[in-house]
Protein backbone atom coordinates (compact mmCIF):
# COMPACT_ATOMS: atom_id res chain seq x y z
CA MET A 1 3.25 -0.96 0.37
CA ASN A 2 3.26 -4.13 -1.70
CA GLU A 3 6.07 -6.63 -1.16
CA GLU A 4 8.52 -6.63 -4.03
CA ARG A 5 8.52 -9.84 -6.01
CA VAL A 6 12.21 -9.84 -6.88
CA VAL A 7 15.36 -9.45 -4.87
CA GLY A 8 17.09 -6.21 -5.84
CA ILE A 9 20.80 -5.76 -6.24
CA GLY A 10 22.46 -5.46 -2.87
CA ARG A 11 19.28 -6.26 -0.90
CA VAL A 12 19.42 -8.97 1.74
CA PRO A 13 16.72 -11.67 1.21
CA SER A 14 14.05 -11.29 3.86
CA ASN A 15 12.13 -14.55 3.28
CA ILE A 16 12.46 -18.00 1.77
CA ARG A 17 11.01 -16.92 -1.57
CA GLN A 18 13.51 -14.13 -2.05
CA ALA A 19 16.35 -16.39 -0.92
CA GLY A 20 15.25 -18.96 -3.49
CA ALA A 21 15.17 -16.33 -6.23
CA LYS A 22 18.69 -15.18 -5.38
CA MET A 23 19.96 -18.75 -5.23
CA LEU A 24 18.38 -19.46 -8.62
CA TRP A 25 20.06 -16.37 -10.09
CA ILE A 26 23.44 -17.56 -8.76
CA GLY A 27 22.95 -21.25 -9.59
CA ILE A 28 21.79 -20.75 -13.18
CA TRP A 29 25.43 -20.36 -14.22
CA LEU A 30 26.12 -23.94 -13.17
CA ILE A 31 24.96 -24.96 -16.64
CA PHE A 32 28.62 -24.75 -17.69
CA MET A 33 29.32 -27.74 -15.44
CA SER A 34 28.18 -29.95 -18.29
CA ALA A 35 31.76 -30.89 -19.24
CA PRO A 36 32.66 -32.66 -15.97
CA VAL A 37 29.17 -34.17 -15.75
CA ASP A 38 29.50 -35.61 -19.30
CA ASP A 39 32.94 -36.88 -18.38
CA LEU A 40 31.49 -38.84 -15.47
CA LEU A 41 28.52 -40.11 -17.47
CA ASP A 42 30.64 -41.46 -20.35
CA GLY A 43 31.39 -44.58 -18.36
CA GLY A 44 35.11 -44.65 -19.03
CA ARG A 45 36.02 -44.14 -15.39
CA SER A 46 36.63 -46.66 -12.65
CA THR A 47 34.25 -46.92 -9.75
CA VAL A 48 36.66 -45.12 -7.45
CA GLN A 49 37.09 -42.29 -9.96
CA GLU A 50 33.35 -41.96 -10.49
CA VAL A 51 32.61 -41.85 -6.75
CA SER A 52 35.45 -39.39 -6.18
CA GLY A 53 34.34 -37.28 -9.14
CA TRP A 54 30.70 -37.06 -8.14
CA THR A 55 31.58 -36.38 -4.52
CA GLY A 56 34.15 -33.73 -5.42
CA LEU A 57 31.79 -32.07 -7.88
CA ALA A 58 28.95 -31.96 -5.34
CA VAL A 59 31.20 -30.53 -2.64
CA PHE A 60 32.63 -27.94 -5.06
CA VAL A 61 29.20 -26.79 -6.22
CA ALA A 62 27.89 -26.60 -2.65
CA ALA A 63 30.90 -24.61 -1.47
CA TYR A 64 30.64 -22.26 -4.47
CA LEU A 65 26.94 -21.58 -3.93
CA VAL A 66 27.28 -21.07 -0.19
CA LEU A 67 30.25 -18.72 -0.60
CA VAL A 68 28.71 -16.52 -3.28
CA PHE A 69 25.22 -16.54 -1.75
CA ARG A 70 26.41 -15.67 1.76
CA GLN A 71 28.75 -12.97 0.52
CA THR A 72 26.01 -11.28 -1.56
CA ALA A 73 23.59 -11.52 1.37
CA ARG A 74 25.83 -10.82 4.38
CA THR A 75 29.52 -10.05 4.26
CA LEU A 76 31.72 -12.82 5.67
CA SER A 77 34.88 -12.32 7.67
CA PRO A 78 38.12 -12.07 5.64
CA ARG A 79 39.41 -15.30 7.19
CA ALA A 80 36.31 -17.20 6.11
CA VAL A 81 36.44 -15.72 2.60
CA TYR A 82 40.10 -16.58 2.00
CA GLY A 83 39.64 -20.01 3.55
CA ALA A 84 36.68 -20.81 1.32
CA LEU A 85 38.51 -19.59 -1.79
CA ALA A 86 41.58 -21.66 -0.91
CA PHE A 87 39.36 -24.71 -0.46
CA LEU A 88 37.70 -24.15 -3.85
CA GLY A 89 41.05 -23.65 -5.57
CA LEU A 90 42.63 -26.75 -4.06
CA LEU A 91 39.57 -28.85 -4.82
CA ALA A 92 39.53 -27.64 -8.44
CA LEU A 93 43.27 -28.35 -8.73
CA GLY A 94 42.94 -31.84 -7.33
CA LEU A 95 39.98 -32.78 -9.52
CA ALA A 96 41.65 -31.40 -12.66
CA LEU A 97 44.90 -33.30 -11.97
CA ALA A 98 43.09 -36.53 -11.12
CA LEU A 99 40.33 -36.58 -13.73
CA GLY A 100 41.62 -34.63 -16.73
CA SER A 101 41.04 -31.53 -18.84
CA ALA A 102 37.24 -31.64 -18.68
CA TRP A 103 37.54 -30.47 -15.07
CA LEU A 104 39.46 -27.31 -15.89
CA VAL A 105 36.11 -25.53 -16.09
CA LEU A 106 36.10 -25.51 -12.28
CA PHE A 107 38.74 -22.78 -12.41
CA VAL A 108 36.21 -20.53 -14.15
CA TYR A 109 34.00 -20.77 -11.07
CA VAL A 110 36.98 -20.13 -8.81
CA ALA A 111 37.70 -16.95 -10.81
CA VAL A 112 34.07 -15.88 -10.56
CA SER A 113 34.14 -16.51 -6.81
CA CYS A 114 37.24 -14.33 -6.49
CA GLY A 115 35.47 -11.51 -8.31
CA ALA A 116 32.38 -11.94 -6.15
CA VAL A 117 33.92 -11.93 -2.68
CA LEU A 118 37.34 -10.23 -2.78
CA PRO A 119 38.15 -6.51 -2.72
CA LEU A 120 38.59 -4.98 -6.17
CA ARG A 121 42.41 -4.81 -6.29
CA THR A 122 42.87 -8.24 -4.70
CA ALA A 123 40.19 -9.75 -6.93
CA SER A 124 41.93 -8.55 -10.09
CA TRP A 125 45.19 -10.27 -9.18
CA ALA A 126 43.39 -13.38 -7.95
CA ILE A 127 41.44 -13.74 -11.22
CA LEU A 128 44.63 -13.41 -13.25
CA GLY A 129 46.38 -15.93 -10.98
CA VAL A 130 43.58 -18.52 -11.22
CA THR A 131 43.49 -18.16 -15.01
CA ALA A 132 47.27 -18.50 -15.22
CA LEU A 133 47.16 -21.65 -13.06
CA MET A 134 44.56 -23.14 -15.38
CA CYS A 135 46.80 -22.43 -18.37
CA LEU A 136 49.84 -23.94 -16.63
CA LEU A 137 47.94 -27.15 -16.03
CA ALA A 138 47.14 -27.33 -19.74
CA LEU A 139 50.64 -26.61 -21.08
CA PRO A 140 52.18 -30.13 -20.86
CA ASP A 141 49.53 -31.64 -23.14
CA ALA A 142 48.55 -30.15 -26.49
CA HIS A 143 45.10 -31.78 -26.28
CA VAL A 144 44.55 -30.19 -22.89
CA VAL A 145 45.63 -26.82 -24.28
CA LYS A 146 42.95 -27.16 -26.94
CA ASP A 147 40.36 -27.74 -24.21
CA ALA A 148 41.65 -24.92 -22.02
CA VAL A 149 41.77 -22.14 -24.63
CA PRO A 150 37.94 -21.74 -24.80
CA LEU A 151 37.93 -21.33 -21.01
CA LEU A 152 40.24 -18.30 -20.98
CA VAL A 153 37.57 -15.79 -21.96
CA PRO A 154 34.88 -17.11 -19.55
CA ALA A 155 37.38 -17.14 -16.67
CA LEU A 156 38.60 -13.60 -17.27
CA LEU A 157 35.27 -12.16 -18.40
CA GLY A 158 33.26 -13.87 -15.66
CA GLY A 159 35.67 -12.88 -12.92
CA PHE A 160 36.00 -9.24 -13.91
CA ALA A 161 32.27 -8.98 -14.67
CA MET A 162 31.57 -10.12 -11.13
CA THR A 163 33.84 -7.38 -9.78
CA GLY A 164 31.70 -4.93 -11.75
CA VAL A 165 28.57 -6.41 -10.19
CA ARG A 166 30.12 -5.98 -6.74
CA GLN A 167 30.89 -2.34 -7.48
CA LEU A 168 27.30 -1.88 -8.66
CA VAL A 169 26.03 -3.48 -5.45
CA ARG A 170 28.24 -1.22 -3.35
CA THR A 171 27.17 1.88 -5.28
CA THR A 172 23.50 0.92 -4.95
CA VAL A 173 23.81 0.41 -1.21
CA GLU A 174 25.64 3.71 -0.78
CA LEU A 175 23.04 5.48 -2.91
CA LYS A 176 20.21 4.10 -0.77
CA ALA A 177 22.02 5.18 2.38
CA ALA A 178 22.58 8.65 0.92
CA ARG A 179 18.93 8.98 -0.05
CA ALA A 180 17.87 7.94 3.44
CA THR A 181 20.24 10.51 4.92
CA VAL A 182 18.93 13.25 2.64
CA ALA A 183 15.36 12.35 3.54
CA GLN A 184 16.22 12.49 7.25
CA LEU A 185 17.95 15.85 6.86
CA ALA A 186 14.96 17.19 4.91
CA ALA A 187 12.60 16.00 7.65
CA ASN A 188 14.77 17.63 10.32
CA GLU A 189 14.89 20.87 8.35
CA GLU A 190 11.11 20.82 7.96
CA ARG A 191 10.66 20.31 11.70
CA LEU A 192 12.99 23.22 12.40
CA ARG A 193 11.09 25.40 9.94
CA MET A 194 7.77 24.52 11.57
CA ALA A 195 9.24 25.26 15.00
CA ARG A 196 10.48 28.65 13.82
CA ASP A 197 7.15 29.47 12.20
CA LEU A 198 5.17 28.50 15.29
CA HIS A 199 7.51 30.50 17.51
CA ASP A 200 7.14 33.55 15.26
CA LEU A 201 3.37 33.13 15.10
CA LEU A 202 2.61 32.38 18.74
CA GLY A 203 5.55 33.72 20.73
CA HIS A 204 4.56 37.37 20.58
CA SER A 205 0.83 36.69 20.83
CA LEU A 206 1.09 34.41 23.86
CA SER A 207 3.48 36.81 25.60
CA LEU A 208 1.05 39.66 25.00
CA ILE A 209 -1.89 37.59 26.24
CA THR A 210 0.06 36.71 29.40
CA LEU A 211 0.96 40.34 30.14
CA LYS A 212 -2.56 41.62 29.51
CA SER A 213 -4.03 38.86 31.66
CA GLU A 214 -1.78 39.85 34.56
CA LEU A 215 -2.64 43.51 34.02
CA ALA A 216 -6.36 42.78 33.89
CA GLY A 217 -6.07 40.78 37.11
CA ARG A 218 -4.48 43.71 38.91
CA MET A 219 -7.05 46.20 37.52
CA LEU A 220 -10.11 44.09 38.20
CA PRO A 221 -10.78 45.09 41.89
CA ASP A 222 -10.38 48.87 41.49
CA ARG A 223 -10.77 49.60 37.77
CA PRO A 224 -13.13 47.04 36.24
CA ASP A 225 -13.74 49.13 33.12
CA MET A 226 -10.04 49.18 32.25
CA ALA A 227 -9.82 45.46 33.10
CA ALA A 228 -12.66 44.81 30.64
CA ALA A 229 -10.73 46.69 27.97
CA GLN A 230 -7.70 44.49 28.60
CA VAL A 231 -9.89 41.37 28.36
CA ALA A 232 -11.25 42.63 25.03
CA ASP A 233 -7.67 43.08 23.81
CA ILE A 234 -6.85 39.56 24.97
CA GLU A 235 -9.80 38.22 22.95
CA GLN A 236 -8.70 40.12 19.85
CA VAL A 237 -5.08 38.93 20.11
CA SER A 238 -6.13 35.32 20.69
CA ARG A 239 -8.47 35.38 17.69
CA GLN A 240 -5.71 36.78 15.49
CA ALA A 241 -3.31 34.11 16.76
CA LEU A 242 -5.85 31.42 15.96
CA THR A 243 -6.28 32.84 12.44
CA ASP A 244 -2.51 32.88 11.90
CA VAL A 245 -2.17 29.27 13.06
CA ARG A 246 -4.96 28.14 10.75
CA GLU A 247 -3.35 29.87 7.79
CA ALA A 248 0.01 28.31 8.64
CA VAL A 249 -1.49 24.81 8.95
CA THR A 250 -3.28 25.27 5.64
CA GLY A 251 0.06 26.13 4.05
CA TYR A 252 1.67 23.02 5.53
CA ARG A 253 -1.12 20.79 4.24
CA ARG A 254 -1.13 22.26 0.74
CA PRO A 255 0.33 19.71 -1.68
CA THR A 256 3.07 20.83 -4.07
CA LEU A 257 4.00 19.52 -7.49
CA PRO A 258 7.60 18.57 -6.59
CA GLY A 259 6.35 16.66 -3.57
CA GLU A 260 3.61 14.89 -5.52
CA LEU A 261 6.04 14.00 -8.36
CA ALA A 262 8.36 12.38 -5.85
CA GLY A 263 5.42 10.65 -4.19
CA ALA A 264 4.22 9.37 -7.57
CA ARG A 265 7.58 7.73 -8.28
CA THR A 266 7.57 6.09 -4.86
CA ALA A 267 3.96 4.87 -5.08
CA LEU A 268 4.35 3.43 -8.58
CA ALA A 269 7.62 1.68 -7.68
CA ALA A 270 6.00 0.18 -4.57
CA ALA A 271 3.15 -1.16 -6.71
CA GLY A 272 5.58 -2.74 -9.18
CA ILE A 273 4.61 -0.35 -11.98
CA THR A 274 7.29 1.00 -14.30
CA ALA A 275 7.17 4.77 -13.90
CA ASP A 276 8.12 7.50 -16.36
CA VAL A 277 7.76 10.61 -14.19
CA PRO A 278 9.55 13.94 -14.76
CA PRO A 279 12.11 14.71 -12.04
CA GLU A 280 10.72 18.19 -11.39
CA CYS A 281 8.16 20.76 -12.50
CA ASP A 282 9.66 23.01 -15.17
CA VAL A 283 6.50 25.09 -15.80
CA ASP A 284 6.94 28.73 -14.77
CA GLY A 285 4.26 31.21 -13.76
CA LEU A 286 1.93 28.92 -11.82
CA SER A 287 0.21 30.53 -8.87
CA ALA A 288 -0.06 28.72 -5.53
CA GLU A 289 -3.72 27.85 -6.18
CA GLU A 290 -2.99 26.50 -9.67
CA GLU A 291 -0.06 24.42 -8.43
CA THR A 292 -2.20 23.05 -5.61
CA VAL A 293 -4.95 21.94 -8.01
CA LEU A 294 -2.41 20.27 -10.30
CA ALA A 295 -0.86 18.53 -7.31
CA TRP A 296 -4.27 17.19 -6.25
CA ALA A 297 -4.90 16.04 -9.83
CA LEU A 298 -1.58 14.19 -9.95
CA ARG A 299 -2.29 12.55 -6.61
CA GLU A 300 -5.73 11.44 -7.75
CA GLY A 301 -4.41 10.14 -11.07
CA ILE A 302 -1.61 8.11 -9.45
CA THR A 303 -4.02 6.76 -6.83
CA ASN A 304 -6.32 5.48 -9.59
CA VAL A 305 -3.38 3.87 -11.41
CA VAL A 306 -2.15 2.09 -8.29
CA ARG A 307 -5.54 0.95 -6.97
CA HIS A 308 -7.63 0.25 -10.02
CA SER A 309 -5.69 0.05 -13.28
CA GLY A 310 -3.73 -3.19 -13.04
CA ALA A 311 -1.17 -1.43 -15.23
CA ARG A 312 2.46 -2.33 -15.82
CA HIS A 313 3.61 1.08 -17.05
CA CYS A 314 2.59 4.63 -16.24
CA THR A 315 3.73 7.87 -17.88
CA VAL A 316 3.33 11.34 -16.37
CA THR A 317 3.92 14.46 -18.45
CA LEU A 318 3.73 18.09 -17.35
CA THR A 319 4.00 20.71 -20.11
CA ALA A 320 3.11 24.33 -20.80
CA ARG A 321 1.11 24.97 -23.98
CA GLN A 322 0.11 28.17 -25.73
CA THR A 323 -3.56 28.16 -26.74
CA LEU A 324 -5.99 30.74 -28.10
CA ASP A 325 -7.18 31.30 -24.53
CA GLY A 326 -3.64 31.90 -23.24
CA ARG A 327 -0.96 29.75 -21.67
CA ARG A 328 -2.10 26.54 -20.05
CA CYS A 329 -0.34 23.87 -18.06
CA GLU A 330 -1.27 20.37 -19.15
CA LEU A 331 -0.86 17.40 -16.82
CA ARG A 332 -1.30 13.96 -18.36
CA VAL A 333 -1.27 10.62 -16.51
CA ARG A 334 -1.41 7.62 -18.85
CA ASP A 335 -1.30 3.91 -17.98
CA ASP A 336 -1.61 0.68 -19.94
CA GLY A 337 -4.09 -0.98 -17.58
CA ARG A 338 -7.35 -2.68 -18.50
CA ASN A 339 -9.61 -1.43 -15.71
CA ALA A 340 -10.22 2.02 -17.13
CA ALA A 341 -13.96 1.99 -16.45
CA VAL A 342 -13.41 1.78 -12.69
CA ALA A 343 -11.19 4.85 -12.63
CA ALA A 344 -13.33 6.85 -15.06
CA HIS A 345 -16.41 6.85 -12.81
CA GLY A 346 -14.83 7.32 -9.39
CA ASN A 347 -15.83 9.97 -6.89
CA GLY A 348 -12.27 11.25 -6.87
CA LEU A 349 -12.52 12.59 -10.43
CA THR A 350 -15.80 14.28 -9.58
CA GLY A 351 -14.22 16.12 -6.69
CA LEU A 352 -11.19 16.93 -8.84
CA THR A 353 -13.46 18.50 -11.47
CA GLU A 354 -14.94 20.77 -8.81
CA ARG A 355 -11.43 21.83 -7.72
CA LEU A 356 -10.49 22.64 -11.30
CA LEU A 357 -13.50 24.90 -11.72
CA THR A 358 -12.16 27.18 -9.01
CA VAL A 359 -9.11 28.04 -11.16
CA GLY A 360 -10.78 27.83 -14.57
CA GLY A 361 -9.29 24.45 -15.40
CA SER A 362 -10.71 21.44 -17.22
CA LEU A 363 -10.47 17.68 -17.09
CA SER A 364 -10.78 15.00 -19.76
CA THR A 365 -10.34 11.22 -19.77
CA GLU A 366 -9.68 8.66 -22.47
CA ALA A 367 -9.97 4.89 -22.21
CA ASP A 368 -8.12 3.37 -25.16
CA ARG A 369 -5.61 0.60 -24.50
CA GLY A 370 -5.35 1.95 -20.99
CA PHE A 371 -6.54 5.06 -19.24
CA THR A 372 -5.43 8.65 -19.77
CA LEU A 373 -6.25 11.52 -17.42
CA THR A 374 -5.61 14.99 -18.85
CA VAL A 375 -5.88 18.13 -16.73
CA ARG A 376 -5.46 21.65 -18.12
CA VAL A 377 -5.06 24.70 -15.91
CA PRO A 378 -4.58 28.32 -17.07
CA ILE A 379 -1.22 29.76 -16.05
CA GLY A 380 -1.34 32.98 -14.06
CA SER A 381 -5.02 33.59 -14.71
CA GLY A 382 -5.76 34.83 -11.20
CA ALA A 383 -9.00 32.87 -11.20
């Protein structure tokens, strides 16, 4: 499985590259710090004010980045969260009182931090409180009010938008956990089904073989002819048990369309290819052999896309069509890659063509701005 190049929502960075990408995503919003930076660069401040301003700004930005980054990567303790938010709020308050209205923008970042790290109900009140404090600081001076009004929308919108992002992160994490649980339950159910099938297949046969073996052993000294008959029965029962096991294993190994559709989505996502795959097979009337051939065709097509195409997007369609020769199921795998020639002449397609012949199906390929594999199988033909 290829390593993903981006850090997904709610996923903890696992290496320096992913940590850098997440930090860049968080730090890009620091562009709105231009107001306090311009205020310090204008040159109208004393040396003490400039040193205090640059130091306070650097400490504020560092605390903001660490708080938001750590909270989105690993949840901090409530005491640490509230302590960090109190530090950011007091630092923003002190800088705004000491250096003027240009520093009110720091309260926007405090509001965003509240939305990023606090529980939903607490975050809502905290965002409103931080915004109200910013407005109170601006009330005594009409010029300051003029500077603070444009910050109202970013403070409220940024804070509440971050609460939405947190809810999305939580939902994503819960969805992944639920999918993992469902997969585990499905695997457990499959193991139980296999255990039941093997018990039904072999329990009676092995018991019968054991009884006949004991009986043959007792008959062997005095009645060898009857013992030989029991041995013949043992051979017949064991051969039938072996046949049943082989048929059962063949059934387990037979690919199915729902399984291959799910596997296609997983394989394409792992390869970084945008997938448009139907959630399930809605074609009725397919026999087991026809479904198996279509499943092999889908597996082969997705394998070619992942290994050879270099594509960015892949579309899978599965439809039933009425033709002059009867109903046919058409499977189409199309990608936008540029290595169509490699896939078109592979041994996999040759073997797939031979499989299709057993059910009266056909295969066609097209290499035009990508590669398209089209497989048609008659529905319910009994071939």
